[in-house]
Amino acid sequence: MDFSKDKIQSHFQKLKFSKKLKILVTGAQGFVGSELCKCPLDLGFEVHALYRKDHQKLPIHPMLFHHTYDLATSSLSEMSQSFQSLDAVFHVASKVGMWGEKSEYFQSNVIGTERLLSVVQSINQKRKDTPVLFIYTSTPSVVFDRHDILNGNEELPYPKNPLNRSEERRVGKECVSTC
């Protein structure tokens, strides 16, 4: 997948939004999340970067706002209040890797996703205008089968024998289908 600045910026420009959006990016301290924050800023969008821990990897920018929440444990009402004015959520946060306790993956990848989705749904129920868009990327770990992934897309099959704890992908897919 191409996460170059030019490619991401090109996607945003093609969307031709009628206003400058307010965007939340979860996983903003990760590789994809930090890059995803930069391009909308260059286009004049307001970007809210969400971190699990107090860690600000991104440079100071007048349109960049930092939030520290653990999606699996933070207060839903507090998050809902912070995110009321958003137009879009790019949920790219996840616990990745091949090893670790299943409970850690489940808390981060399933419970965290379900809770964020419930916050967005709650905001959307109260809105009379345009709903918050929810874009969920999951993690490439869910399709990894010991072979390099080249030119991968959403059509990649899940491996018959998963090598990691991301088997929670089914729950993530179900969450997104309810949005």
Foldseek 3Di string as FASTA:
>chain_A
DDLDLVVLLVVVVVVPDPDAFEEEEEPCVDDSNVSNQPNSVVVVHQYEYEACDPDDPHDDDPRYHYYHHQLLDDDLVVVLVVCLRGQEYEYEDADDDQDDDLVRRCSRPQSSLLSVLVSQVVSQVPDPDHGYHYHYDQDCLQQDDPDDDDPDDPPRDGDPDRRHSSPCVVNNVVSVVVD
